[in-house]
PDB file of all heavy atoms in Angstrom:
ATOM      1  N   VAL A   1      -5.292   2.932  -0.961  1.00  0.00           N
ATOM      2  CA  VAL A   1      -4.731   1.623  -1.269  1.00  0.00           C
ATOM      3  C   VAL A   1      -4.594   1.417  -2.777  1.00  0.00           C
ATOM      4  O   VAL A   1      -3.541   0.997  -3.270  1.00  0.00           O
ATOM      5  CB  VAL A   1      -5.584   0.502  -0.641  1.00  0.00           C
ATOM      6  CG1 VAL A   1      -5.120  -0.874  -1.130  1.00  0.00           C
ATOM      7  CG2 VAL A   1      -5.495   0.560   0.881  1.00  0.00           C
ATOM      8  N   VAL A   2      -5.643   1.698  -3.526  1.00  0.00           N
ATOM      9  CA  VAL A   2      -5.587   1.447  -4.972  1.00  0.00           C
ATOM     10  C   VAL A   2      -4.556   2.354  -5.647  1.00  0.00           C
ATOM     11  O   VAL A   2      -3.891   1.953  -6.615  1.00  0.00           O
ATOM     12  CB  VAL A   2      -6.982   1.590  -5.615  1.00  0.00           C
ATOM     13  CG1 VAL A   2      -7.463   3.027  -5.616  1.00  0.00           C
ATOM     14  CG2 VAL A   2      -6.994   1.022  -7.031  1.00  0.00           C
ATOM     15  N   ASN A   3      -4.375   3.575  -5.141  1.00  0.00           N
ATOM     16  CA  ASN A   3      -3.349   4.444  -5.706  1.00  0.00           C
ATOM     17  C   ASN A   3      -1.951   3.906  -5.436  1.00  0.00           C
ATOM     18  O   ASN A   3      -1.070   3.968  -6.307  1.00  0.00           O
ATOM     19  CB  ASN A   3      -3.478   5.860  -5.129  1.00  0.00           C
ATOM     20  CG  ASN A   3      -4.609   6.650  -5.758  1.00  0.00           C
ATOM     21  OD1 ASN A   3      -5.104   6.304  -6.826  1.00  0.00           O
ATOM     22  ND2 ASN A   3      -5.026   7.719  -5.103  1.00  0.00           N
ATOM     23  N   ALA A   4      -1.746   3.382  -4.240  1.00  0.00           N
ATOM     24  CA  ALA A   4      -0.434   2.806  -3.911  1.00  0.00           C
ATOM     25  C   ALA A   4      -0.142   1.603  -4.800  1.00  0.00           C
ATOM     26  O   ALA A   4       0.976   1.440  -5.300  1.00  0.00           O
ATOM     27  CB  ALA A   4      -0.394   2.419  -2.438  1.00  0.00           C
ATOM     28  N   THR A   5      -1.137   0.756  -4.997  1.00  0.00           N
ATOM     29  CA  THR A   5      -0.961  -0.397  -5.878  1.00  0.00           C
ATOM     30  C   THR A   5      -0.661   0.045  -7.307  1.00  0.00           C
ATOM     31  O   THR A   5       0.190  -0.535  -7.995  1.00  0.00           O
ATOM     32  CB  THR A   5      -2.217  -1.280  -5.855  1.00  0.00           C
ATOM     33  OG1 THR A   5      -2.499  -1.661  -4.499  1.00  0.00           O
ATOM     34  CG2 THR A   5      -2.026  -2.533  -6.687  1.00  0.00           C
ATOM     35  N   THR A   6      -1.344   1.079  -7.764  1.00  0.00           N
ATOM     36  CA  THR A   6      -1.098   1.619  -9.100  1.00  0.00           C
ATOM     37  C   THR A   6       0.338   2.114  -9.221  1.00  0.00           C
ATOM     38  O   THR A   6       0.996   1.904 -10.250  1.00  0.00           O
ATOM     39  CB  THR A   6      -2.087   2.760  -9.406  1.00  0.00           C
ATOM     40  OG1 THR A   6      -3.424   2.248  -9.332  1.00  0.00           O
ATOM     41  CG2 THR A   6      -1.853   3.348 -10.785  1.00  0.00           C
ATOM     42  N   ALA A   7       0.839   2.767  -8.180  1.00  0.00           N
ATOM     43  CA  ALA A   7       2.224   3.239  -8.201  1.00  0.00           C
ATOM     44  C   ALA A   7       3.190   2.071  -8.358  1.00  0.00           C
ATOM     45  O   ALA A   7       4.158   2.148  -9.126  1.00  0.00           O
ATOM     46  CB  ALA A   7       2.529   4.018  -6.928  1.00  0.00           C
ATOM     47  N   TRP A   8       2.942   0.989  -7.643  1.00  0.00           N
ATOM     48  CA  TRP A   8       3.751  -0.221  -7.836  1.00  0.00           C
ATOM     49  C   TRP A   8       3.696  -0.689  -9.291  1.00  0.00           C
ATOM     50  O   TRP A   8       4.710  -0.979  -9.905  1.00  0.00           O
ATOM     51  CB  TRP A   8       3.219  -1.338  -6.945  1.00  0.00           C
ATOM     52  CG  TRP A   8       3.917  -1.518  -5.638  1.00  0.00           C
ATOM     53  CD1 TRP A   8       5.118  -1.008  -5.253  1.00  0.00           C
ATOM     54  CD2 TRP A   8       3.452  -2.306  -4.532  1.00  0.00           C
ATOM     55  NE1 TRP A   8       5.425  -1.421  -3.975  1.00  0.00           N
ATOM     56  CE2 TRP A   8       4.428  -2.219  -3.518  1.00  0.00           C
ATOM     57  CE3 TRP A   8       2.303  -3.076  -4.315  1.00  0.00           C
ATOM     58  CZ2 TRP A   8       4.284  -2.874  -2.284  1.00  0.00           C
ATOM     59  CZ3 TRP A   8       2.161  -3.729  -3.096  1.00  0.00           C
ATOM     60  CH2 TRP A   8       3.140  -3.627  -2.083  1.00  0.00           C
ATOM     61  N   MET A   9       2.493  -0.777  -9.816  1.00  0.00           N
ATOM     62  CA  MET A   9       2.299  -1.372 -11.137  1.00  0.00           C
ATOM     63  C   MET A   9       2.937  -0.551 -12.260  1.00  0.00           C
ATOM     64  O   MET A   9       3.294  -1.083 -13.300  1.00  0.00           O
ATOM     65  CB  MET A   9       0.808  -1.567 -11.411  1.00  0.00           C
ATOM     66  CG  MET A   9       0.174  -2.607 -10.499  1.00  0.00           C
ATOM     67  SD  MET A   9      -1.596  -2.832 -10.774  1.00  0.00           S
ATOM     68  CE  MET A   9      -1.579  -3.623 -12.373  1.00  0.00           C
ATOM     69  N   TYR A  10       3.102   0.752 -12.020  1.00  0.00           N
ATOM     70  CA  TYR A  10       3.644   1.598 -13.085  1.00  0.00           C
ATOM     71  C   TYR A  10       5.100   1.997 -12.861  1.00  0.00           C
ATOM     72  O   TYR A  10       5.632   2.799 -13.628  1.00  0.00           O
ATOM     73  CB  TYR A  10       2.764   2.831 -13.276  1.00  0.00           C
ATOM     74  CG  TYR A  10       1.507   2.489 -14.054  1.00  0.00           C
ATOM     75  CD1 TYR A  10       0.374   2.002 -13.402  1.00  0.00           C
ATOM     76  CD2 TYR A  10       1.459   2.595 -15.436  1.00  0.00           C
ATOM     77  CE1 TYR A  10      -0.770   1.642 -14.107  1.00  0.00           C
ATOM     78  CE2 TYR A  10       0.323   2.262 -16.153  1.00  0.00           C
ATOM     79  CZ  TYR A  10      -0.791   1.781 -15.479  1.00  0.00           C
ATOM     80  OH  TYR A  10      -1.903   1.423 -16.184  1.00  0.00           O
ATOM     81  N   GLY A  11       5.754   1.424 -11.823  1.00  0.00           N
ATOM     82  CA  GLY A  11       7.195   1.631 -11.771  1.00  0.00           C
ATOM     83  C   GLY A  11       7.817   2.047 -10.465  1.00  0.00           C
ATOM     84  O   GLY A  11       9.039   2.133 -10.380  1.00  0.00           O
ATOM     85  N   ALA A  12       7.043   2.329  -9.427  1.00  0.00           N
ATOM     86  CA  ALA A  12       7.634   2.682  -8.136  1.00  0.00           C
ATOM     87  C   ALA A  12       7.922   1.408  -7.347  1.00  0.00           C
ATOM     88  O   ALA A  12       7.041   0.562  -7.204  1.00  0.00           O
ATOM     89  CB  ALA A  12       6.694   3.589  -7.345  1.00  0.00           C
ATOM     90  N   SER A  13       9.128   1.278  -6.831  1.00  0.00           N
ATOM     91  CA  SER A  13       9.452   0.098  -6.031  1.00  0.00           C
ATOM     92  C   SER A  13       8.821   0.158  -4.643  1.00  0.00           C
ATOM     93  O   SER A  13       8.469  -0.872  -4.083  1.00  0.00           O
ATOM     94  CB  SER A  13      10.976  -0.046  -5.889  1.00  0.00           C
ATOM     95  OG  SER A  13      11.549  -0.585  -7.053  1.00  0.00           O
ATOM     96  N   ALA A  14       8.710   1.357  -4.084  1.00  0.00           N
ATOM     97  CA  ALA A  14       8.274   1.490  -2.693  1.00  0.00           C
ATOM     98  C   ALA A  14       6.928   2.182  -2.572  1.00  0.00           C
ATOM     99  O   ALA A  14       6.628   3.117  -3.320  1.00  0.00           O
ATOM    100  CB  ALA A  14       9.317   2.271  -1.897  1.00  0.00           C
ATOM    101  N   VAL A  15       6.126   1.705  -1.634  1.00  0.00           N
ATOM    102  CA  VAL A  15       4.928   2.435  -1.215  1.00  0.00           C
ATOM    103  C   VAL A  15       5.063   2.701   0.277  1.00  0.00           C
ATOM    104  O   VAL A  15       5.405   1.820   1.049  1.00  0.00           O
ATOM    105  CB  VAL A  15       3.619   1.675  -1.536  1.00  0.00           C
ATOM    106  CG1 VAL A  15       3.411   1.598  -3.035  1.00  0.00           C
ATOM    107  CG2 VAL A  15       3.604   0.281  -0.934  1.00  0.00           C
ATOM    108  N   ASN A  16       4.812   3.940   0.646  1.00  0.00           N
ATOM    109  CA  ASN A  16       4.996   4.383   2.024  1.00  0.00           C
ATOM    110  C   ASN A  16       3.664   4.303   2.769  1.00  0.00           C
ATOM    111  O   ASN A  16       2.656   4.829   2.301  1.00  0.00           O
ATOM    112  CB  ASN A  16       5.542   5.812   2.028  1.00  0.00           C
ATOM    113  CG  ASN A  16       5.952   6.284   3.395  1.00  0.00           C
ATOM    114  OD1 ASN A  16       5.459   7.299   3.881  1.00  0.00           O
ATOM    115  ND2 ASN A  16       6.861   5.584   4.035  1.00  0.00           N
ATOM    116  N   CYS A  17       3.665   3.661   3.919  1.00  0.00           N
ATOM    117  CA  CYS A  17       2.427   3.347   4.641  1.00  0.00           C
ATOM    118  C   CYS A  17       2.585   3.634   6.127  1.00  0.00           C
ATOM    119  O   CYS A  17       3.691   3.863   6.622  1.00  0.00           O
ATOM    120  CB  CYS A  17       2.081   1.865   4.480  1.00  0.00           C
ATOM    121  SG  CYS A  17       2.129   1.232   2.796  1.00  0.00           S
ATOM    122  N   SER A  18       1.477   3.567   6.851  1.00  0.00           N
ATOM    123  CA  SER A  18       1.525   3.595   8.312  1.00  0.00           C
ATOM    124  C   SER A  18       0.645   2.472   8.847  1.00  0.00           C
ATOM    125  O   SER A  18      -0.329   2.067   8.202  1.00  0.00           O
ATOM    126  CB  SER A  18       1.057   4.947   8.860  1.00  0.00           C
ATOM    127  OG  SER A  18      -0.339   5.107   8.667  1.00  0.00           O
ATOM    128  N   LEU A  19       0.996   1.977  10.011  1.00  0.00           N
ATOM    129  CA  LEU A  19       0.200   0.912  10.624  1.00  0.00           C
ATOM    130  C   LEU A  19      -1.229   1.381  10.856  1.00  0.00           C
ATOM    131  O   LEU A  19      -1.466   2.472  11.406  1.00  0.00           O
ATOM    132  CB  LEU A  19       0.829   0.482  11.941  1.00  0.00           C
ATOM    133  CG  LEU A  19       2.120  -0.335  11.818  1.00  0.00           C
ATOM    134  CD1 LEU A  19       2.756  -0.530  13.192  1.00  0.00           C
ATOM    135  CD2 LEU A  19       1.863  -1.678  11.144  1.00  0.00           C
ATOM    136  N   LEU A  20      -2.181   0.580  10.438  1.00  0.00           N
ATOM    137  CA  LEU A  20      -3.622   0.839  10.551  1.00  0.00           C
ATOM    138  C   LEU A  20      -4.045   2.084   9.771  1.00  0.00           C
ATOM    139  O   LEU A  20      -5.169   2.557   9.923  1.00  0.00           O
ATOM    140  CB  LEU A  20      -4.063   0.963  12.012  1.00  0.00           C
ATOM    141  CG  LEU A  20      -3.595  -0.114  12.988  1.00  0.00           C
ATOM    142  CD1 LEU A  20      -4.308   0.040  14.319  1.00  0.00           C
ATOM    143  CD2 LEU A  20      -3.819  -1.514  12.439  1.00  0.00           C
ATOM    144  N   GLY A  21      -3.141   2.610   8.944  1.00  0.00           N
ATOM    145  CA  GLY A  21      -3.477   3.796   8.165  1.00  0.00           C
ATOM    146  C   GLY A  21      -3.545   5.064   8.978  1.00  0.00           C
ATOM    147  O   GLY A  21      -4.052   6.091   8.506  1.00  0.00           O
ATOM    148  N   ILE A  22      -3.023   5.048  10.212  1.00  0.00           N
ATOM    149  CA  ILE A  22      -3.107   6.225  11.084  1.00  0.00           C
ATOM    150  C   ILE A  22      -2.236   7.334  10.510  1.00  0.00           C
ATOM    151  O   ILE A  22      -1.049   7.146  10.273  1.00  0.00           O
ATOM    152  CB  ILE A  22      -2.659   5.887  12.518  1.00  0.00           C
ATOM    153  CG1 ILE A  22      -3.526   4.770  13.104  1.00  0.00           C
ATOM    154  CG2 ILE A  22      -2.721   7.128  13.412  1.00  0.00           C
ATOM    155  CD1 ILE A  22      -2.991   4.197  14.399  1.00  0.00           C
ATOM    156  N   GLY A  23      -2.841   8.514  10.282  1.00  0.00           N
ATOM    157  CA  GLY A  23      -2.092   9.629   9.729  1.00  0.00           C
ATOM    158  C   GLY A  23      -2.969  10.860   9.602  1.00  0.00           C
ATOM    159  O   GLY A  23      -4.105  10.889  10.073  1.00  0.00           O
ATOM    160  N   GLU A  24      -2.430  11.874   8.962  1.00  0.00           N
ATOM    161  CA  GLU A  24      -3.122  13.147   8.815  1.00  0.00           C
ATOM    162  C   GLU A  24      -4.540  12.990   8.255  1.00  0.00           C
ATOM    163  O   GLU A  24      -4.760  12.216   7.325  1.00  0.00           O
ATOM    164  CB  GLU A  24      -2.330  14.053   7.871  1.00  0.00           C
ATOM    165  CG  GLU A  24      -1.100  14.692   8.498  1.00  0.00           C
ATOM    166  CD  GLU A  24      -1.445  15.945   9.268  1.00  0.00           C
ATOM    167  OE1 GLU A  24      -1.667  16.997   8.648  1.00  0.00           O
ATOM    168  OE2 GLU A  24      -1.519  15.860  10.508  1.00  0.00           O
ATOM    169  N   ARG A  25      -5.486  13.706   8.807  1.00  0.00           N
ATOM    170  CA  ARG A  25      -6.876  13.750   8.367  1.00  0.00           C
ATOM    171  C   ARG A  25      -7.477  12.338   8.259  1.00  0.00           C
ATOM    172  O   ARG A  25      -7.708  11.691   9.257  1.00  0.00           O
ATOM    173  CB  ARG A  25      -6.997  14.513   7.028  1.00  0.00           C
ATOM    174  CG  ARG A  25      -6.477  15.939   7.074  1.00  0.00           C
ATOM    175  CD  ARG A  25      -6.632  16.667   5.739  1.00  0.00           C
ATOM    176  NE  ARG A  25      -6.187  15.871   4.620  1.00  0.00           N
ATOM    177  CZ  ARG A  25      -4.891  15.727   4.272  1.00  0.00           C
ATOM    178  NH1 ARG A  25      -3.945  16.322   4.945  1.00  0.00           N
ATOM    179  NH2 ARG A  25      -4.565  14.971   3.241  1.00  0.00           N
ATOM    180  N   THR A  26      -7.708  11.869   7.032  1.00  0.00           N
ATOM    181  CA  THR A  26      -8.314  10.541   6.842  1.00  0.00           C
ATOM    182  C   THR A  26      -7.303   9.417   6.922  1.00  0.00           C
ATOM    183  O   THR A  26      -7.664   8.251   6.848  1.00  0.00           O
ATOM    184  CB  THR A  26      -9.000  10.472   5.469  1.00  0.00           C
ATOM    185  OG1 THR A  26      -8.022  10.712   4.451  1.00  0.00           O
ATOM    186  CG2 THR A  26     -10.109  11.497   5.353  1.00  0.00           C
ATOM    187  N   GLY A  27      -6.033   9.761   7.031  1.00  0.00           N
ATOM    188  CA  GLY A  27      -5.014   8.744   7.227  1.00  0.00           C
ATOM    189  C   GLY A  27      -4.180   8.448   5.996  1.00  0.00           C
ATOM    190  O   GLY A  27      -4.450   8.920   4.888  1.00  0.00           O
ATOM    191  N   ASN A  28      -3.153   7.645   6.226  1.00  0.00           N
ATOM    192  CA  ASN A  28      -2.238   7.206   5.180  1.00  0.00           C
ATOM    193  C   ASN A  28      -2.699   5.878   4.603  1.00  0.00           C
ATOM    194  O   ASN A  28      -3.743   5.340   4.986  1.00  0.00           O
ATOM    195  CB  ASN A  28      -0.825   7.056   5.754  1.00  0.00           C
ATOM    196  CG  ASN A  28      -0.253   8.378   6.213  1.00  0.00           C
ATOM    197  OD1 ASN A  28      -0.663   8.927   7.224  1.00  0.00           O
ATOM    198  ND2 ASN A  28       0.690   8.897   5.474  1.00  0.00           N
ATOM    199  N   VAL A  29      -1.894   5.327   3.719  1.00  0.00           N
ATOM    200  CA  VAL A  29      -2.153   3.984   3.190  1.00  0.00           C
ATOM    201  C   VAL A  29      -1.891   2.985   4.326  1.00  0.00           C
ATOM    202  O   VAL A  29      -0.805   2.981   4.900  1.00  0.00           O
ATOM    203  CB  VAL A  29      -1.232   3.682   1.995  1.00  0.00           C
ATOM    204  CG1 VAL A  29      -1.467   2.266   1.487  1.00  0.00           C
ATOM    205  CG2 VAL A  29      -1.442   4.703   0.883  1.00  0.00           C
ATOM    206  N   PRO A  30      -2.866   2.136   4.664  1.00  0.00           N
ATOM    207  CA  PRO A  30      -2.639   1.169   5.747  1.00  0.00           C
ATOM    208  C   PRO A  30      -1.569   0.151   5.357  1.00  0.00           C
ATOM    209  O   PRO A  30      -1.658  -0.494   4.307  1.00  0.00           O
ATOM    210  CB  PRO A  30      -4.008   0.491   5.912  1.00  0.00           C
ATOM    211  CG  PRO A  30      -4.992   1.410   5.262  1.00  0.00           C
ATOM    212  CD  PRO A  30      -4.244   2.074   4.149  1.00  0.00           C
ATOM    213  N   LEU A  31      -0.571   0.007   6.198  1.00  0.00           N
ATOM    214  CA  LEU A  31       0.526  -0.911   5.894  1.00  0.00           C
ATOM    215  C   LEU A  31       0.022  -2.336   5.728  1.00  0.00           C
ATOM    216  O   LEU A  31       0.435  -3.055   4.817  1.00  0.00           O
ATOM    217  CB  LEU A  31       1.574  -0.825   7.006  1.00  0.00           C
ATOM    218  CG  LEU A  31       2.880  -1.577   6.781  1.00  0.00           C
ATOM    219  CD1 LEU A  31       4.045  -0.831   7.420  1.00  0.00           C
ATOM    220  CD2 LEU A  31       2.823  -2.998   7.328  1.00  0.00           C
ATOM    221  N   GLU A  32      -0.901  -2.735   6.605  1.00  0.00           N
ATOM    222  CA  GLU A  32      -1.395  -4.120   6.547  1.00  0.00           C
ATOM    223  C   GLU A  32      -2.141  -4.387   5.240  1.00  0.00           C
ATOM    224  O   GLU A  32      -2.135  -5.512   4.721  1.00  0.00           O
ATOM    225  CB  GLU A  32      -2.284  -4.437   7.750  1.00  0.00           C
ATOM    226  CG  GLU A  32      -3.548  -3.606   7.881  1.00  0.00           C
ATOM    227  CD  GLU A  32      -3.346  -2.249   8.530  1.00  0.00           C
ATOM    228  OE1 GLU A  32      -2.180  -1.851   8.769  1.00  0.00           O
ATOM    229  OE2 GLU A  32      -4.356  -1.568   8.783  1.00  0.00           O
ATOM    230  N   ALA A  33      -2.754  -3.350   4.663  1.00  0.00           N
ATOM    231  CA  ALA A  33      -3.437  -3.519   3.382  1.00  0.00           C
ATOM    232  C   ALA A  33      -2.444  -3.842   2.280  1.00  0.00           C
ATOM    233  O   ALA A  33      -2.698  -4.704   1.423  1.00  0.00           O
ATOM    234  CB  ALA A  33      -4.221  -2.259   3.029  1.00  0.00           C
ATOM    235  N   MET A  34      -1.295  -3.175   2.304  1.00  0.00           N
ATOM    236  CA  MET A  34      -0.312  -3.394   1.247  1.00  0.00           C
ATOM    237  C   MET A  34       0.405  -4.732   1.409  1.00  0.00           C
ATOM    238  O   MET A  34       0.933  -5.272   0.424  1.00  0.00           O
ATOM    239  CB  MET A  34       0.684  -2.242   1.195  1.00  0.00           C
ATOM    240  CG  MET A  34       0.046  -0.891   0.850  1.00  0.00           C
ATOM    241  SD  MET A  34      -1.134  -0.933  -0.542  1.00  0.00           S
ATOM    242  CE  MET A  34      -0.044  -1.319  -1.906  1.00  0.00           C
ATOM    243  N   VAL A  35       0.416  -5.286   2.610  1.00  0.00           N
ATOM    244  CA  VAL A  35       0.921  -6.652   2.798  1.00  0.00           C
ATOM    245  C   VAL A  35       0.095  -7.612   1.949  1.00  0.00           C
ATOM    246  O   VAL A  35       0.621  -8.457   1.220  1.00  0.00           O
ATOM    247  CB  VAL A  35       0.868  -7.057   4.283  1.00  0.00           C
ATOM    248  CG1 VAL A  35       1.120  -8.560   4.449  1.00  0.00           C
ATOM    249  CG2 VAL A  35       1.889  -6.262   5.094  1.00  0.00           C
ATOM    250  N   PHE A  36      -1.222  -7.446   2.014  1.00  0.00           N
ATOM    251  CA  PHE A  36      -2.103  -8.344   1.261  1.00  0.00           C
ATOM    252  C   PHE A  36      -2.151  -7.984  -0.221  1.00  0.00           C
ATOM    253  O   PHE A  36      -2.365  -8.864  -1.063  1.00  0.00           O
ATOM    254  CB  PHE A  36      -3.490  -8.362   1.887  1.00  0.00           C
ATOM    255  CG  PHE A  36      -3.523  -9.102   3.188  1.00  0.00           C
ATOM    256  CD1 PHE A  36      -3.570  -8.420   4.393  1.00  0.00           C
ATOM    257  CD2 PHE A  36      -3.458 -10.481   3.218  1.00  0.00           C
ATOM    258  CE1 PHE A  36      -3.562  -9.101   5.600  1.00  0.00           C
ATOM    259  CE2 PHE A  36      -3.446 -11.178   4.421  1.00  0.00           C
ATOM    260  CZ  PHE A  36      -3.493 -10.492   5.603  1.00  0.00           C
ATOM    261  N   GLU A  37      -1.956  -6.715  -0.561  1.00  0.00           N
ATOM    262  CA  GLU A  37      -1.853  -6.345  -1.971  1.00  0.00           C
ATOM    263  C   GLU A  37      -0.631  -7.014  -2.590  1.00  0.00           C
ATOM    264  O   GLU A  37      -0.694  -7.549  -3.702  1.00  0.00           O
ATOM    265  CB  GLU A  37      -1.743  -4.821  -2.120  1.00  0.00           C
ATOM    266  CG  GLU A  37      -3.043  -4.070  -1.898  1.00  0.00           C
ATOM    267  CD  GLU A  37      -4.035  -4.287  -3.012  1.00  0.00           C
ATOM    268  OE1 GLU A  37      -3.886  -3.693  -4.097  1.00  0.00           O
ATOM    269  OE2 GLU A  37      -4.981  -5.075  -2.801  1.00  0.00           O
ATOM    270  N   TYR A  38       0.483  -6.986  -1.867  1.00  0.00           N
ATOM    271  CA  TYR A  38       1.700  -7.635  -2.370  1.00  0.00           C
ATOM    272  C   TYR A  38       1.449  -9.121  -2.599  1.00  0.00           C
ATOM    273  O   TYR A  38       1.787  -9.675  -3.661  1.00  0.00           O
ATOM    274  CB  TYR A  38       2.856  -7.451  -1.389  1.00  0.00           C
ATOM    275  CG  TYR A  38       4.127  -8.145  -1.836  1.00  0.00           C
ATOM    276  CD1 TYR A  38       5.071  -7.472  -2.601  1.00  0.00           C
ATOM    277  CD2 TYR A  38       4.369  -9.482  -1.532  1.00  0.00           C
ATOM    278  CE1 TYR A  38       6.223  -8.109  -3.051  1.00  0.00           C
ATOM    279  CE2 TYR A  38       5.505 -10.135  -1.977  1.00  0.00           C
ATOM    280  CZ  TYR A  38       6.430  -9.444  -2.733  1.00  0.00           C
ATOM    281  OH  TYR A  38       7.557 -10.095  -3.175  1.00  0.00           O
ATOM    282  N   ALA A  39       0.882  -9.787  -1.588  1.00  0.00           N
ATOM    283  CA  ALA A  39       0.640 -11.227  -1.693  1.00  0.00           C
ATOM    284  C   ALA A  39      -0.309 -11.544  -2.845  1.00  0.00           C
ATOM    285  O   ALA A  39      -0.148 -12.560  -3.538  1.00  0.00           O
ATOM    286  CB  ALA A  39       0.075 -11.757  -0.379  1.00  0.00           C
ATOM    287  N   SER A  40      -1.292 -10.677  -3.066  1.00  0.00           N
ATOM    288  CA  SER A  40      -2.249 -10.900  -4.152  1.00  0.00           C
ATOM    289  C   SER A  40      -1.596 -10.734  -5.515  1.00  0.00           C
ATOM    290  O   SER A  40      -1.913 -11.456  -6.466  1.00  0.00           O
ATOM    291  CB  SER A  40      -3.428  -9.926  -4.019  1.00  0.00           C
ATOM    292  OG  SER A  40      -4.133 -10.144  -2.810  1.00  0.00           O
ATOM    293  N   LEU A  41      -0.682  -9.769  -5.624  1.00  0.00           N
ATOM    294  CA  LEU A  41      -0.026  -9.503  -6.905  1.00  0.00           C
ATOM    295  C   LEU A  41       1.078 -10.503  -7.224  1.00  0.00           C
ATOM    296  O   LEU A  41       1.287 -10.863  -8.382  1.00  0.00           O
ATOM    297  CB  LEU A  41       0.569  -8.090  -6.895  1.00  0.00           C
ATOM    298  CG  LEU A  41      -0.425  -6.925  -6.927  1.00  0.00           C
ATOM    299  CD1 LEU A  41       0.283  -5.618  -6.597  1.00  0.00           C
ATOM    300  CD2 LEU A  41      -1.104  -6.825  -8.280  1.00  0.00           C
ATOM    301  N   ARG A  42       1.801 -10.942  -6.187  1.00  0.00           N
ATOM    302  CA  ARG A  42       2.964 -11.780  -6.414  1.00  0.00           C
ATOM    303  C   ARG A  42       2.735 -13.258  -6.082  1.00  0.00           C
ATOM    304  O   ARG A  42       3.576 -14.099  -6.366  1.00  0.00           O
ATOM    305  CB  ARG A  42       4.152 -11.248  -5.597  1.00  0.00           C
ATOM    306  CG  ARG A  42       4.675  -9.901  -6.113  1.00  0.00           C
ATOM    307  CD  ARG A  42       5.322 -10.057  -7.482  1.00  0.00           C
ATOM    308  NE  ARG A  42       5.634  -8.804  -8.129  1.00  0.00           N
ATOM    309  CZ  ARG A  42       6.800  -8.170  -8.034  1.00  0.00           C
ATOM    310  NH1 ARG A  42       7.763  -8.648  -7.277  1.00  0.00           N
ATOM    311  NH2 ARG A  42       6.993  -7.055  -8.699  1.00  0.00           N
ATOM    312  N   GLY A  43       1.619 -13.561  -5.421  1.00  0.00           N
ATOM    313  CA  GLY A  43       1.319 -14.956  -5.118  1.00  0.00           C
ATOM    314  C   GLY A  43       2.113 -15.524  -3.961  1.00  0.00           C
ATOM    315  O   GLY A  43       2.132 -16.737  -3.741  1.00  0.00           O
ATOM    316  N   THR A  44       2.766 -14.671  -3.209  1.00  0.00           N
ATOM    317  CA  THR A  44       3.569 -15.102  -2.061  1.00  0.00           C
ATOM    318  C   THR A  44       3.663 -13.952  -1.074  1.00  0.00           C
ATOM    319  O   THR A  44       3.582 -12.777  -1.460  1.00  0.00           O
ATOM    320  CB  THR A  44       4.984 -15.523  -2.491  1.00  0.00           C
ATOM    321  OG1 THR A  44       5.767 -15.800  -1.315  1.00  0.00           O
ATOM    322  CG2 THR A  44       5.672 -14.424  -3.277  1.00  0.00           C
TER     323      THR A  44
END
């Protein structure tokens, strides 16, 4: 999650996620986490 947020902050428009973070080995970035990261960063 923190790496995805960092990518946003330094210039990437998109972060790629999966629902509940389900993915290879330990999983991907949880999509629901980035919903709240967006709201926290943008206030909406």
